[in-house]
Amino acid sequence: MFRTNKNFILLFTLFLEIFFLNACQPDTPKERYNLQECKEELLEANDYAQDGGIDRIVVIKKERKMYLYKEGKVQQIIPVSLGKNPIGQKQQKGDNRTPEGEFFIHRKLCSPKYYRSLCISYPRPSDIQKAKERGVNPGGDITIHAQPKWNADGHGDSYTLSQNWTQGCVAVTNAAMKELWYAVREGVPITIQ
């Protein structure tokens, strides 16, 4: 009887340890961001600061900088990373180029991989037509996004900003994205040149 109770207690203790240890673990993989706060902000329309904002974004690829404008005046200049193959216009999916031209921010996205993102309106109908004529996919899902989870605290910002590492997106630090998130509304024009 003592042995049975001892086995029961050991099994019960093991069960409690597994249950409570697993209950304390995040339910998202370690390389993913927890998106609950971001999703709540979007649902409650708390994703924009009412005291002002940015009304135009200009990205100069050769400078690797983003210029934020309000009423025609530069408010801030942010360093950026671009696609791994940054020179020239995006031609097709997988070319790792950042598109060039006039676009707009068409959506805000809580990104499990890159914290938060501002979706850029690429491909435009003209991009789709040109790609169709060449028999290729124009690509898509181009965003201004923040950092991967391994750099969530910003310890690797100097490294990531010294590289062009995206698949065609414009990457900024998480701190810069947090500012952009609240300063930019959907519909804000963005020029990439």
C-alpha atoms as a PDB file:
ATOM      1  CA  MET A   1       0.000   0.000   0.000  1.00  0.00           C
ATOM      2  CA  PHE A   2       2.817   2.426   0.864  1.00  0.00           C
ATOM      3  CA  ARG A   3       4.488   1.686  -2.470  1.00  0.00           C
ATOM      4  CA  THR A   4       1.226   2.329  -4.392  1.00  0.00           C
ATOM      5  CA  ASN A   5       0.703   5.652  -2.626  1.00  0.00           C
ATOM      6  CA  LYS A   6       4.305   6.615  -3.273  1.00  0.00           C
ATOM      7  CA  ASN A   7       3.924   5.818  -7.010  1.00  0.00           C
ATOM      8  CA  PHE A   8       0.656   7.738  -7.097  1.00  0.00           C
ATOM      9  CA  ILE A   9       2.266  10.756  -5.438  1.00  0.00           C
ATOM     10  CA  LEU A  10       5.217  10.637  -7.841  1.00  0.00           C
ATOM     11  CA  LEU A  11       2.926  10.406 -10.856  1.00  0.00           C
ATOM     12  CA  PHE A  12       0.680  13.158  -9.522  1.00  0.00           C
ATOM     13  CA  THR A  13       3.704  15.389  -8.831  1.00  0.00           C
ATOM     14  CA  LEU A  14       5.035  14.745 -12.330  1.00  0.00           C
ATOM     15  CA  PHE A  15       1.620  15.606 -13.786  1.00  0.00           C
ATOM     16  CA  LEU A  16       1.501  18.893 -11.850  1.00  0.00           C
ATOM     17  CA  GLU A  17       5.013  19.845 -12.937  1.00  0.00           C
ATOM     18  CA  ILE A  18       4.251  19.163 -16.587  1.00  0.00           C
ATOM     19  CA  PHE A  19       0.911  20.960 -16.395  1.00  0.00           C
ATOM     20  CA  PHE A  20       2.221  24.063 -14.662  1.00  0.00           C
ATOM     21  CA  LEU A  21       5.465  24.270 -16.641  1.00  0.00           C
ATOM     22  CA  ASN A  22       3.565  24.019 -19.916  1.00  0.00           C
ATOM     23  CA  ALA A  23       0.972  26.500 -18.711  1.00  0.00           C
ATOM     24  CA  CYS A  24       3.739  29.054 -18.175  1.00  0.00           C
ATOM     25  CA  GLN A  25       5.165  28.646 -21.657  1.00  0.00           C
ATOM     26  CA  PRO A  26       4.008  31.060 -24.377  1.00  0.00           C
ATOM     27  CA  ASP A  27       1.718  29.445 -26.909  1.00  0.00           C
ATOM     28  CA  THR A  28       3.659  30.878 -29.841  1.00  0.00           C
ATOM     29  CA  PRO A  29       6.957  29.582 -31.170  1.00  0.00           C
ATOM     30  CA  LYS A  30      10.011  31.435 -29.861  1.00  0.00           C
ATOM     31  CA  GLU A  31      10.658  33.057 -33.254  1.00  0.00           C
ATOM     32  CA  ARG A  32       7.150  34.572 -33.288  1.00  0.00           C
ATOM     33  CA  TYR A  33       5.792  37.689 -31.611  1.00  0.00           C
ATOM     34  CA  ASN A  34       2.796  37.644 -29.283  1.00  0.00           C
ATOM     35  CA  LEU A  35       0.228  39.669 -31.227  1.00  0.00           C
ATOM     36  CA  GLN A  36      -2.562  40.090 -28.685  1.00  0.00           C
ATOM     37  CA  GLU A  37      -1.818  43.748 -27.832  1.00  0.00           C
ATOM     38  CA  CYS A  38      -1.431  44.651 -31.504  1.00  0.00           C
ATOM     39  CA  LYS A  39      -4.685  42.947 -32.501  1.00  0.00           C
ATOM     40  CA  GLU A  40      -6.565  44.650 -29.672  1.00  0.00           C
ATOM     41  CA  GLU A  41      -5.254  48.055 -30.808  1.00  0.00           C
ATOM     42  CA  LEU A  42      -6.510  47.415 -34.339  1.00  0.00           C
ATOM     43  CA  LEU A  43      -9.905  46.147 -33.164  1.00  0.00           C
ATOM     44  CA  GLU A  44     -10.373  49.156 -30.896  1.00  0.00           C
ATOM     45  CA  ALA A  45      -8.931  51.607 -33.480  1.00  0.00           C
ATOM     46  CA  ASN A  46      -6.208  52.654 -31.022  1.00  0.00           C
ATOM     47  CA  ASP A  47      -3.469  52.339 -33.624  1.00  0.00           C
ATOM     48  CA  TYR A  48      -3.164  56.040 -34.417  1.00  0.00           C
ATOM     49  CA  ALA A  49      -2.076  59.021 -32.295  1.00  0.00           C
ATOM     50  CA  GLN A  50      -4.638  61.792 -32.606  1.00  0.00           C
ATOM     51  CA  ASP A  51      -2.131  64.578 -31.888  1.00  0.00           C
ATOM     52  CA  GLY A  52      -0.567  64.467 -35.312  1.00  0.00           C
ATOM     53  CA  GLY A  53       0.800  62.146 -37.870  1.00  0.00           C
ATOM     54  CA  ILE A  54       2.787  61.591 -40.988  1.00  0.00           C
ATOM     55  CA  ASP A  55       1.111  62.435 -44.284  1.00  0.00           C
ATOM     56  CA  ARG A  56       3.810  61.234 -46.703  1.00  0.00           C
ATOM     57  CA  ILE A  57       6.673  58.716 -46.689  1.00  0.00           C
ATOM     58  CA  VAL A  58       9.634  58.825 -49.071  1.00  0.00           C
ATOM     59  CA  VAL A  59      12.226  56.034 -49.216  1.00  0.00           C
ATOM     60  CA  ILE A  60      15.494  56.830 -51.005  1.00  0.00           C
ATOM     61  CA  LYS A  61      17.012  53.430 -51.777  1.00  0.00           C
ATOM     62  CA  LYS A  62      20.543  54.619 -52.568  1.00  0.00           C
ATOM     63  CA  GLU A  63      20.667  56.444 -49.195  1.00  0.00           C
ATOM     64  CA  ARG A  64      18.895  53.610 -47.359  1.00  0.00           C
ATOM     65  CA  LYS A  65      16.786  56.201 -45.578  1.00  0.00           C
ATOM     66  CA  MET A  66      13.107  56.861 -45.036  1.00  0.00           C
ATOM     67  CA  TYR A  67      11.885  60.455 -44.845  1.00  0.00           C
ATOM     68  CA  LEU A  68       8.685  61.106 -42.917  1.00  0.00           C
ATOM     69  CA  TYR A  69       6.750  64.238 -43.905  1.00  0.00           C
ATOM     70  CA  LYS A  70       3.973  66.267 -42.369  1.00  0.00           C
ATOM     71  CA  GLU A  71       2.521  69.200 -44.284  1.00  0.00           C
ATOM     72  CA  GLY A  72       5.503  69.202 -46.664  1.00  0.00           C
ATOM     73  CA  LYS A  73       8.197  69.296 -43.970  1.00  0.00           C
ATOM     74  CA  VAL A  74      10.522  66.461 -43.003  1.00  0.00           C
ATOM     75  CA  GLN A  75       9.683  65.367 -39.462  1.00  0.00           C
ATOM     76  CA  GLN A  76      12.098  62.481 -39.142  1.00  0.00           C
ATOM     77  CA  ILE A  77      14.687  60.485 -41.095  1.00  0.00           C
ATOM     78  CA  ILE A  78      14.879  56.754 -40.364  1.00  0.00           C
ATOM     79  CA  PRO A  79      17.621  54.356 -41.533  1.00  0.00           C
ATOM     80  CA  VAL A  80      16.270  51.318 -43.388  1.00  0.00           C
ATOM     81  CA  SER A  81      17.280  47.958 -44.801  1.00  0.00           C
ATOM     82  CA  LEU A  82      16.048  46.918 -48.241  1.00  0.00           C
ATOM     83  CA  GLY A  83      15.786  43.802 -50.337  1.00  0.00           C
ATOM     84  CA  LYS A  84      18.969  41.735 -50.695  1.00  0.00           C
ATOM     85  CA  ASN A  85      19.182  42.823 -54.353  1.00  0.00           C
ATOM     86  CA  PRO A  86      18.291  46.519 -53.942  1.00  0.00           C
ATOM     87  CA  ILE A  87      19.358  48.053 -57.269  1.00  0.00           C
ATOM     88  CA  GLY A  88      16.608  48.550 -59.816  1.00  0.00           C
ATOM     89  CA  GLN A  89      12.863  48.046 -60.023  1.00  0.00           C
ATOM     90  CA  LYS A  90      11.198  44.894 -58.743  1.00  0.00           C
ATOM     91  CA  GLN A  91      10.565  42.643 -61.749  1.00  0.00           C
ATOM     92  CA  GLN A  92       9.126  39.473 -60.278  1.00  0.00           C
ATOM     93  CA  LYS A  93       8.559  37.349 -57.210  1.00  0.00           C
ATOM     94  CA  GLY A  94      11.816  36.140 -55.692  1.00  0.00           C
ATOM     95  CA  ASP A  95      14.130  38.778 -57.197  1.00  0.00           C
ATOM     96  CA  ASN A  96      14.703  40.300 -53.717  1.00  0.00           C
ATOM     97  CA  ARG A  97      14.248  43.836 -55.040  1.00  0.00           C
ATOM     98  CA  THR A  98      12.362  46.598 -53.312  1.00  0.00           C
ATOM     99  CA  PRO A  99       9.806  48.066 -55.750  1.00  0.00           C
ATOM    100  CA  GLU A 100      10.078  51.655 -56.940  1.00  0.00           C
ATOM    101  CA  GLY A 101       7.322  54.144 -57.638  1.00  0.00           C
ATOM    102  CA  GLU A 102       4.272  55.748 -56.075  1.00  0.00           C
ATOM    103  CA  PHE A 103       2.282  53.596 -53.664  1.00  0.00           C
ATOM    104  CA  PHE A 104       0.182  53.993 -50.524  1.00  0.00           C
ATOM    105  CA  ILE A 105      -0.133  52.257 -47.176  1.00  0.00           C
ATOM    106  CA  HIS A 106      -3.169  50.051 -47.671  1.00  0.00           C
ATOM    107  CA  ARG A 107      -3.243  48.133 -44.402  1.00  0.00           C
ATOM    108  CA  LYS A 108      -1.676  47.702 -40.989  1.00  0.00           C
ATOM    109  CA  LEU A 109      -0.661  44.183 -40.078  1.00  0.00           C
ATOM    110  CA  CYS A 110       0.214  42.549 -36.775  1.00  0.00           C
ATOM    111  CA  SER A 111       3.114  40.414 -37.942  1.00  0.00           C
ATOM    112  CA  PRO A 112       4.011  37.230 -36.067  1.00  0.00           C
ATOM    113  CA  LYS A 113       7.428  37.230 -37.745  1.00  0.00           C
ATOM    114  CA  TYR A 114       8.335  40.944 -37.891  1.00  0.00           C
ATOM    115  CA  TYR A 115       6.451  42.600 -34.992  1.00  0.00           C
ATOM    116  CA  ARG A 116       4.253  45.066 -36.922  1.00  0.00           C
ATOM    117  CA  SER A 117       4.019  45.952 -40.595  1.00  0.00           C
ATOM    118  CA  LEU A 118       2.618  48.636 -42.850  1.00  0.00           C
ATOM    119  CA  CYS A 119       1.496  47.022 -46.106  1.00  0.00           C
ATOM    120  CA  ILE A 120       2.493  48.793 -49.336  1.00  0.00           C
ATOM    121  CA  SER A 121       0.126  48.760 -52.327  1.00  0.00           C
ATOM    122  CA  TYR A 122       2.443  46.727 -54.561  1.00  0.00           C
ATOM    123  CA  PRO A 123       1.789  45.315 -57.100  1.00  0.00           C
ATOM    124  CA  ARG A 124      -0.116  48.043 -58.899  1.00  0.00           C
ATOM    125  CA  PRO A 125      -2.142  47.150 -62.006  1.00  0.00           C
ATOM    126  CA  SER A 126       0.777  48.321 -64.183  1.00  0.00           C
ATOM    127  CA  ASP A 127       3.181  46.013 -62.291  1.00  0.00           C
ATOM    128  CA  ILE A 128       0.806  43.099 -62.804  1.00  0.00           C
ATOM    129  CA  GLN A 129       0.487  43.853 -66.523  1.00  0.00           C
ATOM    130  CA  LYS A 130       4.261  44.134 -67.064  1.00  0.00           C
ATOM    131  CA  ALA A 131       4.848  40.860 -65.222  1.00  0.00           C
ATOM    132  CA  LYS A 132       2.094  39.174 -67.236  1.00  0.00           C
ATOM    133  CA  GLU A 133       3.719  40.312 -70.478  1.00  0.00           C
ATOM    134  CA  ARG A 134       6.991  38.716 -69.342  1.00  0.00           C
ATOM    135  CA  GLY A 135       5.184  35.590 -68.139  1.00  0.00           C
ATOM    136  CA  VAL A 136       6.236  35.983 -64.501  1.00  0.00           C
ATOM    137  CA  ASN A 137       4.609  36.527 -61.120  1.00  0.00           C
ATOM    138  CA  PRO A 138       5.061  40.180 -59.998  1.00  0.00           C
ATOM    139  CA  GLY A 139       5.345  39.176 -56.354  1.00  0.00           C
ATOM    140  CA  GLY A 140       3.564  40.905 -53.522  1.00  0.00           C
ATOM    141  CA  ASP A 141       3.293  41.222 -49.761  1.00  0.00           C
ATOM    142  CA  ILE A 142       5.687  44.174 -49.752  1.00  0.00           C
ATOM    143  CA  THR A 143       5.688  45.965 -46.413  1.00  0.00           C
ATOM    144  CA  ILE A 144       7.521  48.325 -44.152  1.00  0.00           C
ATOM    145  CA  HIS A 145       8.249  45.918 -41.335  1.00  0.00           C
ATOM    146  CA  ALA A 146      10.256  45.742 -38.139  1.00  0.00           C
ATOM    147  CA  GLN A 147      12.792  43.200 -36.916  1.00  0.00           C
ATOM    148  CA  PRO A 148      12.694  39.429 -36.579  1.00  0.00           C
ATOM    149  CA  LYS A 149      12.097  38.079 -33.069  1.00  0.00           C
ATOM    150  CA  TRP A 150      15.808  37.395 -32.447  1.00  0.00           C
ATOM    151  CA  ASN A 151      16.278  41.185 -32.490  1.00  0.00           C
ATOM    152  CA  ALA A 152      13.121  42.099 -30.571  1.00  0.00           C
ATOM    153  CA  ASP A 153      15.084  44.041 -27.955  1.00  0.00           C
ATOM    154  CA  GLY A 154      17.135  45.943 -30.559  1.00  0.00           C
ATOM    155  CA  HIS A 155      20.521  44.478 -29.585  1.00  0.00           C
ATOM    156  CA  GLY A 156      21.217  43.676 -33.259  1.00  0.00           C
ATOM    157  CA  ASP A 157      19.933  46.919 -34.824  1.00  0.00           C
ATOM    158  CA  SER A 158      23.377  48.130 -35.876  1.00  0.00           C
ATOM    159  CA  TYR A 159      23.941  44.826 -37.676  1.00  0.00           C
ATOM    160  CA  THR A 160      20.539  44.605 -39.399  1.00  0.00           C
ATOM    161  CA  LEU A 161      20.643  48.250 -40.468  1.00  0.00           C
ATOM    162  CA  SER A 162      24.088  47.747 -42.014  1.00  0.00           C
ATOM    163  CA  GLN A 163      22.701  45.023 -44.315  1.00  0.00           C
ATOM    164  CA  ASN A 164      20.117  44.712 -47.068  1.00  0.00           C
ATOM    165  CA  TRP A 165      18.465  41.476 -45.954  1.00  0.00           C
ATOM    166  CA  THR A 166      14.750  41.493 -46.800  1.00  0.00           C
ATOM    167  CA  GLN A 167      13.011  39.789 -49.706  1.00  0.00           C
ATOM    168  CA  GLY A 168      11.999  43.187 -51.082  1.00  0.00           C
ATOM    169  CA  CYS A 169      10.463  44.906 -48.081  1.00  0.00           C
ATOM    170  CA  VAL A 170      11.663  48.013 -46.261  1.00  0.00           C
ATOM    171  CA  ALA A 171      12.824  47.114 -42.735  1.00  0.00           C
ATOM    172  CA  VAL A 172      13.167  49.467 -39.773  1.00  0.00           C
ATOM    173  CA  THR A 173      13.953  48.930 -36.102  1.00  0.00           C
ATOM    174  CA  ASN A 174      11.180  47.895 -33.722  1.00  0.00           C
ATOM    175  CA  ALA A 175      11.452  51.286 -32.004  1.00  0.00           C
ATOM    176  CA  ALA A 176      10.999  53.085 -35.335  1.00  0.00           C
ATOM    177  CA  MET A 177       8.076  50.821 -36.233  1.00  0.00           C
ATOM    178  CA  LYS A 178       6.340  51.602 -32.960  1.00  0.00           C
ATOM    179  CA  GLU A 179       6.543  55.314 -33.839  1.00  0.00           C
ATOM    180  CA  LEU A 180       5.420  54.711 -37.433  1.00  0.00           C
ATOM    181  CA  TRP A 181       2.540  52.521 -36.290  1.00  0.00           C
ATOM    182  CA  TYR A 182       0.958  55.386 -34.380  1.00  0.00           C
ATOM    183  CA  ALA A 183       1.959  58.144 -36.832  1.00  0.00           C
ATOM    184  CA  VAL A 184       0.711  56.587 -40.087  1.00  0.00           C
ATOM    185  CA  ARG A 185      -2.866  55.957 -41.183  1.00  0.00           C
ATOM    186  CA  GLU A 186      -3.973  53.713 -43.989  1.00  0.00           C
ATOM    187  CA  GLY A 187      -3.963  55.659 -47.249  1.00  0.00           C
ATOM    188  CA  VAL A 188      -0.745  57.600 -46.568  1.00  0.00           C
ATOM    189  CA  PRO A 189       1.242  57.854 -49.841  1.00  0.00           C
ATOM    190  CA  ILE A 190       4.710  56.344 -50.050  1.00  0.00           C
ATOM    191  CA  THR A 191       7.286  57.021 -52.749  1.00  0.00           C
ATOM    192  CA  ILE A 192      10.152  54.579 -53.184  1.00  0.00           C
ATOM    193  CA  GLN A 193      12.974  55.737 -55.458  1.00  0.00           C
END
